[in-house]
């Protein structure tokens, strides 16, 4: 195994970490990576909001920065312990809402790829375009052309990854709380709805039906936006 493969496995391979306590999720549903990608036009000033915010606002380790090899940037977040797939996606979506809400949603792509699909990779053989991990101080250089014209040094790529750490479980939970996210849509809506009911009336309202409950959460401006969105989705589903 090469040094680069070792670093990719250390950060992103689910087989290198012990599984979390099992609930409804299975090991196959868990991931150690979520990627937030910003498609063209490549704009590091926008992506830097997420990169800096994750560290300054959420006290998380810096994610890996990569150029896609096509038209934009990638941020690769590593979890020390595998997270349920939907939880990883909810985390990235909360980041999008916090830092890129003014960007066309179609430009933001969230995924949980296998580590084999990560940089460095040759994206376009005809034009010799490569995706690659890049250092933070060099990231702005690739705004015009978000790729490398030659294969990046595998040792250099390993060096970049060796400086990164994974998000620890406690830090991830704290970040999710700051983002207004929760372990899962159902739990998030239930928790927020209960809090909203108690705050507005001083006690839990007896006999509050499911649809009225969801409507109450959706319309309560004191509840985090991400939870209100989940309530709206659940309400639409209930009306089908």
Protein backbone atom coordinates (compact mmCIF):
# COMPACT_ATOMS: atom_id res chain seq x y z
CA UNK A 1 0.00 0.00 0.00
CA UNK A 2 1.37 3.41 -0.93
CA UNK A 3 1.60 6.31 1.51
CA UNK A 4 -1.18 8.11 -0.33
CA UNK A 5 -3.47 5.07 -0.06
CA UNK A 6 -2.66 4.88 3.65
CA UNK A 7 -3.67 8.51 4.18
CA UNK A 8 -6.87 8.12 2.18
CA UNK A 9 -7.75 5.05 4.23
CA UNK A 10 -6.91 6.80 7.50
CA UNK A 11 -9.28 9.66 6.75
CA UNK A 12 -12.06 8.18 4.67
CA UNK A 13 -12.21 4.37 4.69
CA UNK A 14 -15.06 3.09 6.95
CA UNK A 15 -13.19 -0.16 7.59
CA UNK A 16 -10.48 1.63 9.57
CA UNK A 17 -12.79 2.79 12.38
CA UNK A 18 -14.90 0.89 14.86
CA UNK A 19 -18.64 1.12 14.13
CA UNK A 20 -20.97 3.22 16.23
CA UNK A 21 -23.61 1.66 18.41
CA UNK A 22 -26.21 0.20 16.14
CA UNK A 23 -29.76 1.54 16.02
CA UNK A 24 -31.78 1.49 12.82
CA UNK A 25 -28.71 2.03 10.69
CA UNK A 26 -26.48 -0.80 9.55
CA UNK A 27 -22.75 -0.73 8.94
CA UNK A 28 -23.36 -0.65 5.19
CA UNK A 29 -25.34 2.58 5.65
CA UNK A 30 -22.45 4.33 7.41
CA UNK A 31 -19.74 6.51 5.94
CA UNK A 32 -16.65 8.35 7.06
CA UNK A 33 -16.74 10.99 4.36
CA UNK A 34 -19.05 13.60 2.95
CA UNK A 35 -18.05 15.85 0.05
CA UNK A 36 -19.48 19.27 -0.61
CA UNK A 37 -18.74 20.38 -4.18
CA UNK A 38 -19.27 23.75 -5.79
CA UNK A 39 -19.66 23.63 -9.56
CA UNK A 40 -18.61 26.32 -11.99
CA UNK A 41 -17.84 29.02 -12.25
CA UNK A 42 -15.14 28.01 -9.80
CA UNK A 43 -15.11 30.53 -6.97
CA UNK A 44 -12.83 29.96 -4.01
CA UNK A 45 -14.22 33.01 -2.19
CA UNK A 46 -17.53 31.15 -1.87
CA UNK A 47 -16.04 27.80 -0.92
CA UNK A 48 -13.73 29.51 1.56
CA UNK A 49 -16.81 30.52 3.56
CA UNK A 50 -17.46 26.84 4.31
CA UNK A 51 -13.80 25.96 4.85
CA UNK A 52 -13.23 28.83 7.29
CA UNK A 53 -16.65 28.58 8.92
CA UNK A 54 -16.22 24.91 9.76
CA UNK A 55 -13.10 25.80 11.71
CA UNK A 56 -13.90 29.24 13.16
CA UNK A 57 -17.61 28.82 13.89
CA UNK A 58 -17.93 25.08 14.46
CA UNK A 59 -14.49 24.27 15.92
CA UNK A 60 -13.96 21.42 13.45
CA UNK A 61 -10.69 20.34 11.84
CA UNK A 62 -10.09 21.69 8.36
CA UNK A 63 -11.55 19.57 5.55
CA UNK A 64 -9.40 18.61 2.60
CA UNK A 65 -9.58 21.03 -0.33
CA UNK A 66 -9.54 19.68 -3.85
CA UNK A 67 -10.05 20.92 -7.38
CA UNK A 68 -12.53 18.76 -9.25
CA UNK A 69 -10.62 18.52 -12.50
CA UNK A 70 -13.67 19.86 -14.33
CA UNK A 71 -15.12 23.15 -13.15
CA UNK A 72 -15.10 23.61 -9.40
CA UNK A 73 -13.89 22.89 -5.88
CA UNK A 74 -14.47 20.09 -3.41
CA UNK A 75 -14.34 20.03 0.38
CA UNK A 76 -13.89 16.55 1.83
CA UNK A 77 -14.98 16.13 5.45
CA UNK A 78 -13.66 13.13 7.37
CA UNK A 79 -15.45 11.53 10.35
CA UNK A 80 -13.39 9.73 12.97
CA UNK A 81 -16.25 7.27 13.46
CA UNK A 82 -18.67 6.15 10.73
CA UNK A 83 -21.84 8.21 10.57
CA UNK A 84 -25.21 7.14 9.16
CA UNK A 85 -25.40 8.11 5.51
CA UNK A 86 -28.37 10.41 5.99
CA UNK A 87 -26.63 12.08 8.96
CA UNK A 88 -23.56 12.85 6.86
CA UNK A 89 -25.74 14.32 4.12
CA UNK A 90 -27.71 16.36 6.68
CA UNK A 91 -24.44 17.80 8.00
CA UNK A 92 -23.32 18.92 4.53
CA UNK A 93 -26.77 20.32 3.75
CA UNK A 94 -26.69 22.30 7.00
CA UNK A 95 -23.31 23.69 5.96
CA UNK A 96 -24.78 24.69 2.61
CA UNK A 97 -27.69 26.46 4.28
CA UNK A 98 -25.37 28.26 6.69
CA UNK A 99 -22.66 29.39 4.28
CA UNK A 100 -23.93 29.04 0.70
CA UNK A 101 -27.63 29.82 0.99
CA UNK A 102 -27.24 32.70 -1.48
CA UNK A 103 -25.70 30.38 -4.10
CA UNK A 104 -27.86 28.61 -6.69
CA UNK A 105 -28.61 25.23 -5.11
CA UNK A 106 -28.03 23.51 -8.46
CA UNK A 107 -24.34 24.46 -8.20
CA UNK A 108 -23.85 22.66 -4.89
CA UNK A 109 -23.44 18.88 -5.03
CA UNK A 110 -23.31 16.79 -1.85
CA UNK A 111 -22.13 13.18 -1.96
CA UNK A 112 -20.54 10.38 0.06
CA UNK A 113 -18.14 8.83 -2.45
CA UNK A 114 -15.91 5.83 -2.04
CA UNK A 115 -12.32 6.82 -1.34
CA UNK A 116 -11.36 5.31 -4.71
CA UNK A 117 -13.30 8.13 -6.39
CA UNK A 118 -11.34 10.85 -4.60
CA UNK A 119 -8.41 12.82 -6.03
CA UNK A 120 -5.96 12.47 -7.51
CA UNK A 121 -7.64 11.23 -10.68
CA UNK A 122 -7.29 11.97 -14.38
CA UNK A 123 -10.68 13.38 -15.32
CA UNK A 124 -10.14 14.18 -18.99
CA UNK A 125 -7.55 12.06 -20.82
CA UNK A 126 -7.76 14.10 -24.01
CA UNK A 127 -6.96 17.38 -22.26
CA UNK A 128 -4.92 15.85 -19.43
CA UNK A 129 -7.02 17.40 -16.67
CA UNK A 130 -6.45 16.04 -13.16
CA UNK A 131 -8.38 16.41 -9.94
CA UNK A 132 -6.10 16.92 -6.94
CA UNK A 133 -5.93 17.94 -3.32
CA UNK A 134 -4.52 21.44 -2.94
CA UNK A 135 -3.09 23.50 -0.10
CA UNK A 136 -5.30 26.30 1.32
CA UNK A 137 -2.90 29.06 0.25
CA UNK A 138 -2.93 27.76 -3.33
CA UNK A 139 -6.67 27.19 -3.63
CA UNK A 140 -7.45 30.67 -5.08
CA UNK A 141 -4.97 30.04 -7.92
CA UNK A 142 -7.32 27.45 -9.47
CA UNK A 143 -10.39 29.69 -9.84
CA UNK A 144 -9.82 30.06 -13.59
CA UNK A 145 -8.79 26.46 -14.23
CA UNK A 146 -9.80 24.07 -11.41
CA UNK A 147 -7.51 21.24 -12.45
CA UNK A 148 -3.89 20.24 -12.82
CA UNK A 149 -2.39 19.81 -16.28
CA UNK A 150 -0.05 17.07 -15.10
CA UNK A 151 -0.42 14.22 -12.64
CA UNK A 152 0.16 15.50 -9.11
CA UNK A 153 2.94 14.02 -7.02
CA UNK A 154 1.49 11.17 -4.97
CA UNK A 155 3.93 11.97 -2.18
CA UNK A 156 2.83 15.60 -2.29
CA UNK A 157 -0.81 14.56 -2.10
CA UNK A 158 -0.02 12.30 0.85
CA UNK A 159 1.76 15.18 2.59
CA UNK A 160 -1.34 17.39 2.26
CA UNK A 161 -3.60 14.70 3.71
CA UNK A 162 -1.18 13.85 6.53
CA UNK A 163 -1.78 17.32 8.03
CA UNK A 164 -5.53 16.74 8.31
CA UNK A 165 -7.55 15.29 11.15
CA UNK A 166 -10.94 13.61 11.27
CA UNK A 167 -13.97 15.08 13.05
CA UNK A 168 -14.33 13.46 16.45
CA UNK A 169 -17.74 12.22 17.54
CA UNK A 170 -18.25 14.82 20.32
CA UNK A 171 -17.17 17.67 18.06
CA UNK A 172 -19.50 16.47 15.33
CA UNK A 173 -22.46 16.40 17.73
CA UNK A 174 -21.63 19.91 18.95
CA UNK A 175 -21.33 21.19 15.37
CA UNK A 176 -24.67 19.66 14.41
CA UNK A 177 -26.27 21.40 17.38
CA UNK A 178 -24.76 24.74 16.35
CA UNK A 179 -26.01 24.22 12.81
CA UNK A 180 -29.51 23.48 14.07
CA UNK A 181 -29.37 19.94 12.74
CA UNK A 182 -30.19 16.74 14.64
CA UNK A 183 -29.48 12.97 14.52
CA UNK A 184 -32.35 12.32 12.10
CA UNK A 185 -35.37 14.07 10.58
CA UNK A 186 -37.94 12.39 12.81
CA UNK A 187 -35.97 12.96 16.00
CA UNK A 188 -35.16 16.52 14.97
CA UNK A 189 -38.77 17.46 14.32
CA UNK A 190 -40.02 15.74 17.46
CA UNK A 191 -37.44 17.42 19.66
CA UNK A 192 -37.95 20.85 18.15
CA UNK A 193 -41.72 20.53 18.21
CA UNK A 194 -41.73 19.52 21.85
CA UNK A 195 -39.51 22.45 22.77
CA UNK A 196 -41.63 24.86 20.74
CA UNK A 197 -44.82 23.65 22.40
CA UNK A 198 -43.36 23.98 25.87
CA UNK A 199 -41.87 27.42 25.17
CA UNK A 200 -45.09 28.86 23.78
CA UNK A 201 -47.54 27.46 26.34
CA UNK A 202 -45.45 26.59 29.38
CA UNK A 203 -46.55 22.95 29.11
CA UNK A 204 -46.98 20.23 26.54
CA UNK A 205 -50.25 20.51 24.70
CA UNK A 206 -52.40 17.39 25.12
CA UNK A 207 -54.07 15.93 22.09
CA UNK A 208 -51.91 17.73 19.55
CA UNK A 209 -52.45 15.74 16.32
CA UNK A 210 -49.55 14.86 14.00
CA UNK A 211 -50.44 17.39 11.30
CA UNK A 212 -51.06 20.22 13.78
CA UNK A 213 -47.81 19.31 15.50
CA UNK A 214 -45.84 19.51 12.23
CA UNK A 215 -47.58 22.73 11.24
CA UNK A 216 -46.71 24.26 14.60
CA UNK A 217 -43.03 23.39 14.21
CA UNK A 218 -42.96 24.63 10.61
CA UNK A 219 -44.39 28.05 11.56
CA UNK A 220 -42.39 28.58 14.74
CA UNK A 221 -39.62 31.08 13.92
CA UNK A 222 -37.78 30.19 17.15
CA UNK A 223 -37.09 26.71 15.76
CA UNK A 224 -33.98 26.18 13.64
CA UNK A 225 -34.63 26.59 9.91
CA UNK A 226 -33.35 23.08 9.09
CA UNK A 227 -35.91 21.57 11.45
CA UNK A 228 -38.73 23.70 10.06
CA UNK A 229 -37.85 22.45 6.58
CA UNK A 230 -37.98 18.83 7.80
CA UNK A 231 -41.38 19.52 9.38
CA UNK A 232 -42.67 20.97 6.09
CA UNK A 233 -41.45 17.89 4.20
CA UNK A 234 -43.11 15.57 6.70
CA UNK A 235 -46.34 17.57 6.50
CA UNK A 236 -46.41 17.32 2.71
CA UNK A 237 -45.81 13.60 2.92
CA UNK A 238 -48.61 13.19 5.44
CA UNK A 239 -51.07 14.98 3.14
CA UNK A 240 -50.36 12.68 0.17
